[in-house]
PDB file of N, CA and C in Angstrom:
ATOM      1  N   MET A   1     -10.209  -8.623 -13.785  1.00  0.00           N
ATOM      2  CA  MET A   1     -11.197  -8.000 -12.921  1.00  0.00           C
ATOM      3  C   MET A   1     -11.533  -6.632 -13.515  1.00  0.00           C
ATOM      4  N   GLY A   2     -12.820  -6.323 -13.660  1.00  0.00           N
ATOM      5  CA  GLY A   2     -13.249  -5.041 -14.204  1.00  0.00           C
ATOM      6  C   GLY A   2     -13.091  -3.904 -13.215  1.00  0.00           C
ATOM      7  N   VAL A   3     -13.224  -2.688 -13.709  1.00  0.00           N
ATOM      8  CA  VAL A   3     -13.064  -1.492 -12.874  1.00  0.00           C
ATOM      9  C   VAL A   3     -14.055  -1.505 -11.716  1.00  0.00           C
ATOM     10  N   LYS A   4     -15.302  -1.853 -12.018  1.00  0.00           N
ATOM     11  CA  LYS A   4     -16.332  -1.860 -10.983  1.00  0.00           C
ATOM     12  C   LYS A   4     -16.006  -2.866  -9.874  1.00  0.00           C
ATOM     13  N   SER A   5     -15.569  -4.051 -10.268  1.00  0.00           N
ATOM     14  CA  SER A   5     -15.242  -5.059  -9.259  1.00  0.00           C
ATOM     15  C   SER A   5     -13.960  -4.698  -8.512  1.00  0.00           C
ATOM     16  N   MET A   6     -12.995  -4.039  -9.195  1.00  0.00           N
ATOM     17  CA  MET A   6     -11.775  -3.583  -8.512  1.00  0.00           C
ATOM     18  C   MET A   6     -12.121  -2.546  -7.454  1.00  0.00           C
ATOM     19  N   ASN A   7     -12.997  -1.609  -7.803  1.00  0.00           N
ATOM     20  CA  ASN A   7     -13.401  -0.587  -6.838  1.00  0.00           C
ATOM     21  C   ASN A   7     -14.131  -1.213  -5.659  1.00  0.00           C
ATOM     22  N   GLY A   8     -14.965  -2.205  -5.925  1.00  0.00           N
ATOM     23  CA  GLY A   8     -15.660  -2.904  -4.843  1.00  0.00           C
ATOM     24  C   GLY A   8     -14.691  -3.659  -3.952  1.00  0.00           C
ATOM     25  N   ALA A   9     -13.707  -4.318  -4.568  1.00  0.00           N
ATOM     26  CA  ALA A   9     -12.690  -5.038  -3.794  1.00  0.00           C
ATOM     27  C   ALA A   9     -11.883  -4.064  -2.944  1.00  0.00           C
ATOM     28  N   ALA A  10     -11.507  -2.928  -3.514  1.00  0.00           N
ATOM     29  CA  ALA A  10     -10.747  -1.922  -2.768  1.00  0.00           C
ATOM     30  C   ALA A  10     -11.558  -1.399  -1.587  1.00  0.00           C
ATOM     31  N   ARG A  11     -12.848  -1.175  -1.805  1.00  0.00           N
ATOM     32  CA  ARG A  11     -13.728  -0.705  -0.729  1.00  0.00           C
ATOM     33  C   ARG A  11     -13.786  -1.736   0.409  1.00  0.00           C
ATOM     34  N   ARG A  12     -13.893  -3.013   0.042  1.00  0.00           N
ATOM     35  CA  ARG A  12     -13.926  -4.075   1.064  1.00  0.00           C
ATOM     36  C   ARG A  12     -12.607  -4.130   1.833  1.00  0.00           C
ATOM     37  N   LEU A  13     -11.492  -3.976   1.132  1.00  0.00           N
ATOM     38  CA  LEU A  13     -10.197  -3.987   1.804  1.00  0.00           C
ATOM     39  C   LEU A  13     -10.051  -2.803   2.757  1.00  0.00           C
ATOM     40  N   ARG A  14     -10.542  -1.635   2.355  1.00  0.00           N
ATOM     41  CA  ARG A  14     -10.490  -0.462   3.257  1.00  0.00           C
ATOM     42  C   ARG A  14     -11.325  -0.715   4.505  1.00  0.00           C
ATOM     43  N   LYS A  15     -12.476  -1.337   4.303  1.00  0.00           N
ATOM     44  CA  LYS A  15     -13.384  -1.592   5.429  1.00  0.00           C
ATOM     45  C   LYS A  15     -12.824  -2.652   6.380  1.00  0.00           C
ATOM     46  N   ASN A  16     -12.051  -3.589   5.834  1.00  0.00           N
ATOM     47  CA  ASN A  16     -11.535  -4.714   6.625  1.00  0.00           C
ATOM     48  C   ASN A  16     -10.016  -4.696   6.716  1.00  0.00           C
ATOM     49  N   CYS A  17      -9.448  -3.514   6.960  1.00  0.00           N
ATOM     50  CA  CYS A  17      -7.993  -3.409   6.973  1.00  0.00           C
ATOM     51  C   CYS A  17      -7.386  -4.084   8.203  1.00  0.00           C
ATOM     52  N   THR A  18      -6.106  -4.419   8.082  1.00  0.00           N
ATOM     53  CA  THR A  18      -5.387  -5.074   9.172  1.00  0.00           C
ATOM     54  C   THR A  18      -5.022  -4.043  10.242  1.00  0.00           C
ATOM     55  N   ASP A  19      -4.644  -4.525  11.402  1.00  0.00           N
ATOM     56  CA  ASP A  19      -4.207  -3.616  12.471  1.00  0.00           C
ATOM     57  C   ASP A  19      -2.985  -2.811  12.032  1.00  0.00           C
ATOM     58  N   THR A  20      -2.097  -3.442  11.279  1.00  0.00           N
ATOM     59  CA  THR A  20      -0.906  -2.746  10.795  1.00  0.00           C
ATOM     60  C   THR A  20      -1.287  -1.626   9.841  1.00  0.00           C
ATOM     61  N   GLU A  21      -2.210  -1.903   8.934  1.00  0.00           N
ATOM     62  CA  GLU A  21      -2.664  -0.867   8.000  1.00  0.00           C
ATOM     63  C   GLU A  21      -3.343   0.280   8.742  1.00  0.00           C
ATOM     64  N   LYS A  22      -4.143  -0.036   9.752  1.00  0.00           N
ATOM     65  CA  LYS A  22      -4.783   1.017  10.565  1.00  0.00           C
ATOM     66  C   LYS A  22      -3.728   1.892  11.234  1.00  0.00           C
ATOM     67  N   HIS A  23      -2.706   1.249  11.784  1.00  0.00           N
ATOM     68  CA  HIS A  23      -1.654   1.980  12.491  1.00  0.00           C
ATOM     69  C   HIS A  23      -0.905   2.914  11.538  1.00  0.00           C
ATOM     70  N   LEU A  24      -0.515   2.401  10.375  1.00  0.00           N
ATOM     71  CA  LEU A  24       0.208   3.226   9.420  1.00  0.00           C
ATOM     72  C   LEU A  24      -0.684   4.333   8.864  1.00  0.00           C
ATOM     73  N   TRP A  25      -1.946   4.029   8.619  1.00  0.00           N
ATOM     74  CA  TRP A  25      -2.872   5.025   8.072  1.00  0.00           C
ATOM     75  C   TRP A  25      -3.016   6.212   9.012  1.00  0.00           C
ATOM     76  N   ARG A  26      -2.961   5.988  10.319  1.00  0.00           N
ATOM     77  CA  ARG A  26      -3.039   7.098  11.282  1.00  0.00           C
ATOM     78  C   ARG A  26      -1.899   8.094  11.059  1.00  0.00           C
ATOM     79  N   HIS A  27      -0.780   7.626  10.514  1.00  0.00           N
ATOM     80  CA  HIS A  27       0.372   8.497  10.274  1.00  0.00           C
ATOM     81  C   HIS A  27       0.387   9.094   8.870  1.00  0.00           C
ATOM     82  N   LEU A  28      -0.302   8.451   7.933  1.00  0.00           N
ATOM     83  CA  LEU A  28      -0.293   8.920   6.544  1.00  0.00           C
ATOM     84  C   LEU A  28      -1.473   9.823   6.202  1.00  0.00           C
ATOM     85  N   ARG A  29      -2.586   9.630   6.852  1.00  0.00           N
ATOM     86  CA  ARG A  29      -3.811  10.340   6.469  1.00  0.00           C
ATOM     87  C   ARG A  29      -3.708  11.835   6.736  1.00  0.00           C
ATOM     88  N   ASP A  30      -4.580  12.559   6.103  1.00  0.00           N
ATOM     89  CA  ASP A  30      -4.697  14.010   6.300  1.00  0.00           C
ATOM     90  C   ASP A  30      -3.406  14.773   6.009  1.00  0.00           C
ATOM     91  N   ARG A  31      -2.656  14.288   5.032  1.00  0.00           N
ATOM     92  CA  ARG A  31      -1.446  14.979   4.560  1.00  0.00           C
ATOM     93  C   ARG A  31      -0.421  15.232   5.674  1.00  0.00           C
ATOM     94  N   GLN A  32      -0.286  14.282   6.594  1.00  0.00           N
ATOM     95  CA  GLN A  32       0.636  14.445   7.716  1.00  0.00           C
ATOM     96  C   GLN A  32       2.105  14.335   7.309  1.00  0.00           C
ATOM     97  N   ILE A  33       2.381  13.674   6.200  1.00  0.00           N
ATOM     98  CA  ILE A  33       3.762  13.492   5.750  1.00  0.00           C
ATOM     99  C   ILE A  33       4.073  14.589   4.723  1.00  0.00           C
ATOM    100  N   VAL A  34       4.698  15.659   5.174  1.00  0.00           N
ATOM    101  CA  VAL A  34       5.125  16.785   4.339  1.00  0.00           C
ATOM    102  C   VAL A  34       4.026  17.237   3.376  1.00  0.00           C
ATOM    103  N   GLY A  35       2.782  17.149   3.807  1.00  0.00           N
ATOM    104  CA  GLY A  35       1.671  17.631   2.999  1.00  0.00           C
ATOM    105  C   GLY A  35       1.246  16.724   1.856  1.00  0.00           C
ATOM    106  N   PHE A  36       1.825  15.529   1.751  1.00  0.00           N
ATOM    107  CA  PHE A  36       1.475  14.630   0.654  1.00  0.00           C
ATOM    108  C   PHE A  36       0.201  13.850   0.948  1.00  0.00           C
ATOM    109  N   LYS A  37      -0.658  13.764  -0.047  1.00  0.00           N
ATOM    110  CA  LYS A  37      -1.912  13.025   0.084  1.00  0.00           C
ATOM    111  C   LYS A  37      -1.693  11.560  -0.280  1.00  0.00           C
ATOM    112  N   PHE A  38      -2.057  10.683   0.628  1.00  0.00           N
ATOM    113  CA  PHE A  38      -2.009   9.246   0.373  1.00  0.00           C
ATOM    114  C   PHE A  38      -3.426   8.709   0.279  1.00  0.00           C
ATOM    115  N   ARG A  39      -3.591   7.706  -0.551  1.00  0.00           N
ATOM    116  CA  ARG A  39      -4.839   6.953  -0.656  1.00  0.00           C
ATOM    117  C   ARG A  39      -4.543   5.557  -0.139  1.00  0.00           C
ATOM    118  N   ARG A  40      -5.564   4.902   0.412  1.00  0.00           N
ATOM    119  CA  ARG A  40      -5.344   3.534   0.888  1.00  0.00           C
ATOM    120  C   ARG A  40      -6.201   2.569   0.096  1.00  0.00           C
ATOM    121  N   GLN A  41      -5.664   1.362  -0.048  1.00  0.00           N
ATOM    122  CA  GLN A  41      -6.324   0.308  -0.820  1.00  0.00           C
ATOM    123  C   GLN A  41      -6.830   0.873  -2.138  1.00  0.00           C
ATOM    124  N   HIS A  42      -5.885   1.306  -2.954  1.00  0.00           N
ATOM    125  CA  HIS A  42      -6.188   2.010  -4.191  1.00  0.00           C
ATOM    126  C   HIS A  42      -5.846   1.143  -5.406  1.00  0.00           C
ATOM    127  N   PRO A  43      -6.777   0.973  -6.338  1.00  0.00           N
ATOM    128  CA  PRO A  43      -6.483   0.191  -7.547  1.00  0.00           C
ATOM    129  C   PRO A  43      -5.510   0.915  -8.475  1.00  0.00           C
ATOM    130  N   ILE A  44      -4.511   0.165  -8.932  1.00  0.00           N
ATOM    131  CA  ILE A  44      -3.587   0.629  -9.970  1.00  0.00           C
ATOM    132  C   ILE A  44      -3.441  -0.550 -10.933  1.00  0.00           C
ATOM    133  N   GLY A  45      -3.894  -0.361 -12.131  1.00  0.00           N
ATOM    134  CA  GLY A  45      -3.873  -1.469 -13.078  1.00  0.00           C
ATOM    135  C   GLY A  45      -4.700  -2.626 -12.546  1.00  0.00           C
ATOM    136  N   ARG A  46      -4.121  -3.811 -12.539  1.00  0.00           N
ATOM    137  CA  ARG A  46      -4.850  -4.986 -12.032  1.00  0.00           C
ATOM    138  C   ARG A  46      -4.559  -5.280 -10.562  1.00  0.00           C
ATOM    139  N   TYR A  47      -3.898  -4.335  -9.906  1.00  0.00           N
ATOM    140  CA  TYR A  47      -3.522  -4.509  -8.504  1.00  0.00           C
ATOM    141  C   TYR A  47      -4.246  -3.497  -7.615  1.00  0.00           C
ATOM    142  N   ILE A  48      -4.335  -3.849  -6.333  1.00  0.00           N
ATOM    143  CA  ILE A  48      -4.803  -2.904  -5.315  1.00  0.00           C
ATOM    144  C   ILE A  48      -3.645  -2.748  -4.343  1.00  0.00           C
ATOM    145  N   VAL A  49      -3.122  -1.527  -4.239  1.00  0.00           N
ATOM    146  CA  VAL A  49      -1.973  -1.281  -3.365  1.00  0.00           C
ATOM    147  C   VAL A  49      -2.460  -0.818  -1.999  1.00  0.00           C
ATOM    148  N   ASP A  50      -1.648  -1.080  -0.978  1.00  0.00           N
ATOM    149  CA  ASP A  50      -2.035  -0.691   0.385  1.00  0.00           C
ATOM    150  C   ASP A  50      -2.170   0.828   0.495  1.00  0.00           C
ATOM    151  N   PHE A  51      -1.121   1.556   0.108  1.00  0.00           N
ATOM    152  CA  PHE A  51      -1.125   3.013   0.186  1.00  0.00           C
ATOM    153  C   PHE A  51      -0.398   3.567  -1.030  1.00  0.00           C
ATOM    154  N   VAL A  52      -0.856   4.714  -1.528  1.00  0.00           N
ATOM    155  CA  VAL A  52      -0.174   5.325  -2.666  1.00  0.00           C
ATOM    156  C   VAL A  52      -0.298   6.840  -2.602  1.00  0.00           C
ATOM    157  N   ASN A  53       0.795   7.502  -2.978  1.00  0.00           N
ATOM    158  CA  ASN A  53       0.766   8.926  -3.252  1.00  0.00           C
ATOM    159  C   ASN A  53       0.865   9.032  -4.765  1.00  0.00           C
ATOM    160  N   LEU A  54      -0.229   9.439  -5.395  1.00  0.00           N
ATOM    161  CA  LEU A  54      -0.284   9.473  -6.851  1.00  0.00           C
ATOM    162  C   LEU A  54       0.600  10.569  -7.440  1.00  0.00           C
ATOM    163  N   GLU A  55       0.737  11.678  -6.729  1.00  0.00           N
ATOM    164  CA  GLU A  55       1.553  12.795  -7.227  1.00  0.00           C
ATOM    165  C   GLU A  55       3.019  12.387  -7.382  1.00  0.00           C
ATOM    166  N   LYS A  56       3.571  11.747  -6.368  1.00  0.00           N
ATOM    167  CA  LYS A  56       4.980  11.344  -6.391  1.00  0.00           C
ATOM    168  C   LYS A  56       5.165   9.903  -6.860  1.00  0.00           C
ATOM    169  N   LYS A  57       4.049   9.209  -7.113  1.00  0.00           N
ATOM    170  CA  LYS A  57       4.067   7.815  -7.573  1.00  0.00           C
ATOM    171  C   LYS A  57       4.839   6.919  -6.599  1.00  0.00           C
ATOM    172  N   VAL A  58       4.470   7.018  -5.317  1.00  0.00           N
ATOM    173  CA  VAL A  58       5.075   6.201  -4.271  1.00  0.00           C
ATOM    174  C   VAL A  58       4.015   5.250  -3.721  1.00  0.00           C
ATOM    175  N   VAL A  59       4.333   3.963  -3.743  1.00  0.00           N
ATOM    176  CA  VAL A  59       3.461   2.926  -3.200  1.00  0.00           C
ATOM    177  C   VAL A  59       4.098   2.415  -1.918  1.00  0.00           C
ATOM    178  N   ILE A  60       3.276   2.262  -0.875  1.00  0.00           N
ATOM    179  CA  ILE A  60       3.747   1.670   0.376  1.00  0.00           C
ATOM    180  C   ILE A  60       2.931   0.406   0.618  1.00  0.00           C
ATOM    181  N   GLU A  61       3.633  -0.702   0.807  1.00  0.00           N
ATOM    182  CA  GLU A  61       3.006  -1.981   1.108  1.00  0.00           C
ATOM    183  C   GLU A  61       3.447  -2.422   2.498  1.00  0.00           C
ATOM    184  N   VAL A  62       2.519  -2.896   3.299  1.00  0.00           N
ATOM    185  CA  VAL A  62       2.851  -3.487   4.590  1.00  0.00           C
ATOM    186  C   VAL A  62       2.519  -4.971   4.501  1.00  0.00           C
ATOM    187  N   ASP A  63       3.491  -5.779   4.909  1.00  0.00           N
ATOM    188  CA  ASP A  63       3.400  -7.216   4.682  1.00  0.00           C
ATOM    189  C   ASP A  63       3.564  -8.018   5.961  1.00  0.00           C
ATOM    190  N   GLY A  64       2.760  -9.061   6.053  1.00  0.00           N
ATOM    191  CA  GLY A  64       2.944 -10.066   7.093  1.00  0.00           C
ATOM    192  C   GLY A  64       3.877 -11.144   6.574  1.00  0.00           C
ATOM    193  N   SER A  65       4.146 -12.125   7.411  1.00  0.00           N
ATOM    194  CA  SER A  65       5.115 -13.172   7.050  1.00  0.00           C
ATOM    195  C   SER A  65       4.664 -13.999   5.848  1.00  0.00           C
ATOM    196  N   HIS A  66       3.372 -14.006   5.542  1.00  0.00           N
ATOM    197  CA  HIS A  66       2.889 -14.773   4.386  1.00  0.00           C
ATOM    198  C   HIS A  66       3.396 -14.190   3.065  1.00  0.00           C
ATOM    199  N   HIS A  67       4.007 -13.009   3.108  1.00  0.00           N
ATOM    200  CA  HIS A  67       4.544 -12.386   1.901  1.00  0.00           C
ATOM    201  C   HIS A  67       6.030 -12.680   1.701  1.00  0.00           C
ATOM    202  N   ALA A  68       6.657 -13.361   2.653  1.00  0.00           N
ATOM    203  CA  ALA A  68       8.091 -13.644   2.535  1.00  0.00           C
ATOM    204  C   ALA A  68       8.359 -14.443   1.265  1.00  0.00           C
ATOM    205  N   CYS A  69       9.279 -13.950   0.469  1.00  0.00           N
ATOM    206  CA  CYS A  69       9.693 -14.614  -0.779  1.00  0.00           C
ATOM    207  C   CYS A  69       8.527 -14.845  -1.737  1.00  0.00           C
ATOM    208  N   SER A  70       7.586 -13.955  -1.779  1.00  0.00           N
ATOM    209  CA  SER A  70       6.414 -14.107  -2.639  1.00  0.00           C
ATOM    210  C   SER A  70       6.749 -13.751  -4.085  1.00  0.00           C
ATOM    211  N   GLU A  71       6.578 -14.718  -4.973  1.00  0.00           N
ATOM    212  CA  GLU A  71       6.796 -14.471  -6.404  1.00  0.00           C
ATOM    213  C   GLU A  71       5.759 -13.476  -6.926  1.00  0.00           C
ATOM    214  N   GLY A  72       4.521 -13.561  -6.409  1.00  0.00           N
ATOM    215  CA  GLY A  72       3.478 -12.626  -6.824  1.00  0.00           C
ATOM    216  C   GLY A  72       3.824 -11.193  -6.479  1.00  0.00           C
ATOM    217  N   ASP A  73       4.404 -10.981  -5.293  1.00  0.00           N
ATOM    218  CA  ASP A  73       4.814  -9.630  -4.892  1.00  0.00           C
ATOM    219  C   ASP A  73       5.938  -9.120  -5.786  1.00  0.00           C
ATOM    220  N   LYS A  74       6.849 -10.009  -6.161  1.00  0.00           N
ATOM    221  CA  LYS A  74       7.952  -9.608  -7.035  1.00  0.00           C
ATOM    222  C   LYS A  74       7.412  -9.157  -8.397  1.00  0.00           C
ATOM    223  N   LEU A  75       6.493  -9.917  -8.957  1.00  0.00           N
ATOM    224  CA  LEU A  75       5.900  -9.554 -10.247  1.00  0.00           C
ATOM    225  C   LEU A  75       5.114  -8.252 -10.146  1.00  0.00           C
ATOM    226  N   ARG A  76       4.397  -8.099  -9.070  1.00  0.00           N
ATOM    227  CA  ARG A  76       3.613  -6.883  -8.836  1.00  0.00           C
ATOM    228  C   ARG A  76       4.523  -5.668  -8.744  1.00  0.00           C
ATOM    229  N   ASP A  77       5.612  -5.798  -7.967  1.00  0.00           N
ATOM    230  CA  ASP A  77       6.566  -4.697  -7.823  1.00  0.00           C
ATOM    231  C   ASP A  77       7.195  -4.346  -9.167  1.00  0.00           C
ATOM    232  N   GLU A  78       7.564  -5.351  -9.939  1.00  0.00           N
ATOM    233  CA  GLU A  78       8.159  -5.103 -11.256  1.00  0.00           C
ATOM    234  C   GLU A  78       7.187  -4.349 -12.158  1.00  0.00           C
ATOM    235  N   TRP A  79       5.914  -4.752 -12.145  1.00  0.00           N
ATOM    236  CA  TRP A  79       4.915  -4.075 -12.979  1.00  0.00           C
ATOM    237  C   TRP A  79       4.741  -2.621 -12.528  1.00  0.00           C
ATOM    238  N   LEU A  80       4.608  -2.421 -11.211  1.00  0.00           N
ATOM    239  CA  LEU A  80       4.437  -1.061 -10.694  1.00  0.00           C
ATOM    240  C   LEU A  80       5.648  -0.183 -11.029  1.00  0.00           C
ATOM    241  N   MET A  81       6.844  -0.739 -10.901  1.00  0.00           N
ATOM    242  CA  MET A  81       8.050   0.035 -11.215  1.00  0.00           C
ATOM    243  C   MET A  81       8.107   0.365 -12.708  1.00  0.00           C
ATOM    244  N   ALA A  82       7.681  -0.559 -13.546  1.00  0.00           N
ATOM    245  CA  ALA A  82       7.646  -0.299 -14.989  1.00  0.00           C
ATOM    246  C   ALA A  82       6.656   0.821 -15.318  1.00  0.00           C
ATOM    247  N   GLU A  83       5.652   1.010 -14.456  1.00  0.00           N
ATOM    248  CA  GLU A  83       4.675   2.085 -14.623  1.00  0.00           C
ATOM    249  C   GLU A  83       5.150   3.386 -13.987  1.00  0.00           C
ATOM    250  N   GLY A  84       6.368   3.380 -13.412  1.00  0.00           N
ATOM    251  CA  GLY A  84       6.948   4.593 -12.850  1.00  0.00           C
ATOM    252  C   GLY A  84       6.770   4.773 -11.352  1.00  0.00           C
ATOM    253  N   TYR A  85       6.276   3.748 -10.659  1.00  0.00           N
ATOM    254  CA  TYR A  85       6.076   3.839  -9.211  1.00  0.00           C
ATOM    255  C   TYR A  85       7.312   3.374  -8.463  1.00  0.00           C
ATOM    256  N   LYS A  86       7.580   4.007  -7.342  1.00  0.00           N
ATOM    257  CA  LYS A  86       8.584   3.559  -6.378  1.00  0.00           C
ATOM    258  C   LYS A  86       7.821   2.751  -5.343  1.00  0.00           C
ATOM    259  N   VAL A  87       8.261   1.520  -5.085  1.00  0.00           N
ATOM    260  CA  VAL A  87       7.554   0.634  -4.156  1.00  0.00           C
ATOM    261  C   VAL A  87       8.377   0.476  -2.892  1.00  0.00           C
ATOM    262  N   LEU A  88       7.773   0.823  -1.760  1.00  0.00           N
ATOM    263  CA  LEU A  88       8.395   0.647  -0.448  1.00  0.00           C
ATOM    264  C   LEU A  88       7.630  -0.443   0.285  1.00  0.00           C
ATOM    265  N   ARG A  89       8.344  -1.443   0.767  1.00  0.00           N
ATOM    266  CA  ARG A  89       7.709  -2.544   1.504  1.00  0.00           C
ATOM    267  C   ARG A  89       8.242  -2.563   2.932  1.00  0.00           C
ATOM    268  N   PHE A  90       7.335  -2.696   3.861  1.00  0.00           N
ATOM    269  CA  PHE A  90       7.703  -2.778   5.269  1.00  0.00           C
ATOM    270  C   PHE A  90       7.000  -3.980   5.885  1.00  0.00           C
ATOM    271  N   TRP A  91       7.700  -4.659   6.789  1.00  0.00           N
ATOM    272  CA  TRP A  91       7.092  -5.759   7.522  1.00  0.00           C
ATOM    273  C   TRP A  91       6.188  -5.181   8.608  1.00  0.00           C
ATOM    274  N   ASP A  92       5.194  -5.951   8.986  1.00  0.00           N
ATOM    275  CA  ASP A  92       4.254  -5.514  10.028  1.00  0.00           C
ATOM    276  C   ASP A  92       4.983  -5.036  11.280  1.00  0.00           C
ATOM    277  N   ASN A  93       5.966  -5.812  11.739  1.00  0.00           N
ATOM    278  CA  ASN A  93       6.650  -5.445  12.985  1.00  0.00           C
ATOM    279  C   ASN A  93       7.401  -4.125  12.850  1.00  0.00           C
ATOM    280  N   GLN A  94       7.882  -3.781  11.648  1.00  0.00           N
ATOM    281  CA  GLN A  94       8.562  -2.497  11.458  1.00  0.00           C
ATOM    282  C   GLN A  94       7.597  -1.335  11.682  1.00  0.00           C
ATOM    283  N   VAL A  95       6.371  -1.498  11.225  1.00  0.00           N
ATOM    284  CA  VAL A  95       5.365  -0.437  11.382  1.00  0.00           C
ATOM    285  C   VAL A  95       5.082  -0.197  12.858  1.00  0.00           C
ATOM    286  N   PHE A  96       5.019  -1.274  13.653  1.00  0.00           N
ATOM    287  CA  PHE A  96       4.719  -1.122  15.075  1.00  0.00           C
ATOM    288  C   PHE A  96       5.952  -0.752  15.902  1.00  0.00           C
ATOM    289  N   ASP A  97       7.120  -1.307  15.542  1.00  0.00           N
ATOM    290  CA  ASP A  97       8.301  -1.136  16.377  1.00  0.00           C
ATOM    291  C   ASP A  97       9.221   0.009  15.964  1.00  0.00           C
ATOM    292  N   ASN A  98       9.093   0.506  14.729  1.00  0.00           N
ATOM    293  CA  ASN A  98      10.015   1.526  14.243  1.00  0.00           C
ATOM    294  C   ASN A  98       9.296   2.495  13.303  1.00  0.00           C
ATOM    295  N   MET A  99       8.246   3.107  13.786  1.00  0.00           N
ATOM    296  CA  MET A  99       7.459   3.995  12.932  1.00  0.00           C
ATOM    297  C   MET A  99       8.295   5.153  12.393  1.00  0.00           C
ATOM    298  N   ASP A 100       9.210   5.671  13.181  1.00  0.00           N
ATOM    299  CA  ASP A 100      10.068   6.752  12.699  1.00  0.00           C
ATOM    300  C   ASP A 100      10.911   6.290  11.515  1.00  0.00           C
ATOM    301  N   GLY A 101      11.402   5.071  11.552  1.00  0.00           N
ATOM    302  CA  GLY A 101      12.189   4.513  10.461  1.00  0.00           C
ATOM    303  C   GLY A 101      11.345   4.274   9.225  1.00  0.00           C
ATOM    304  N   VAL A 102      10.125   3.851   9.434  1.00  0.00           N
ATOM    305  CA  VAL A 102       9.205   3.621   8.317  1.00  0.00           C
ATOM    306  C   VAL A 102       8.863   4.944   7.687  1.00  0.00           C
TER     307      VAL A 102
END
């Protein structure tokens, strides 16, 4: 996928985000977490991550049950980690039921 199409895909994902992503974004946006800036649905390489802080290289992914035991997610995480990113994954219910823990 080219840069232009990745940016278009990321824009569509931002526009059509899940309820879980909306909920988490309310807590991440506007530098609410110790002043760190997060971006949502941001392209990194051939992937689009849910949330990322580029300064600290932290990726946050929120997953529904369709991601359980996903080989694609494992490969994606390995690639991101090889690029120096720390990947944090949370289940949808964790975002709604334990926001302080997330």
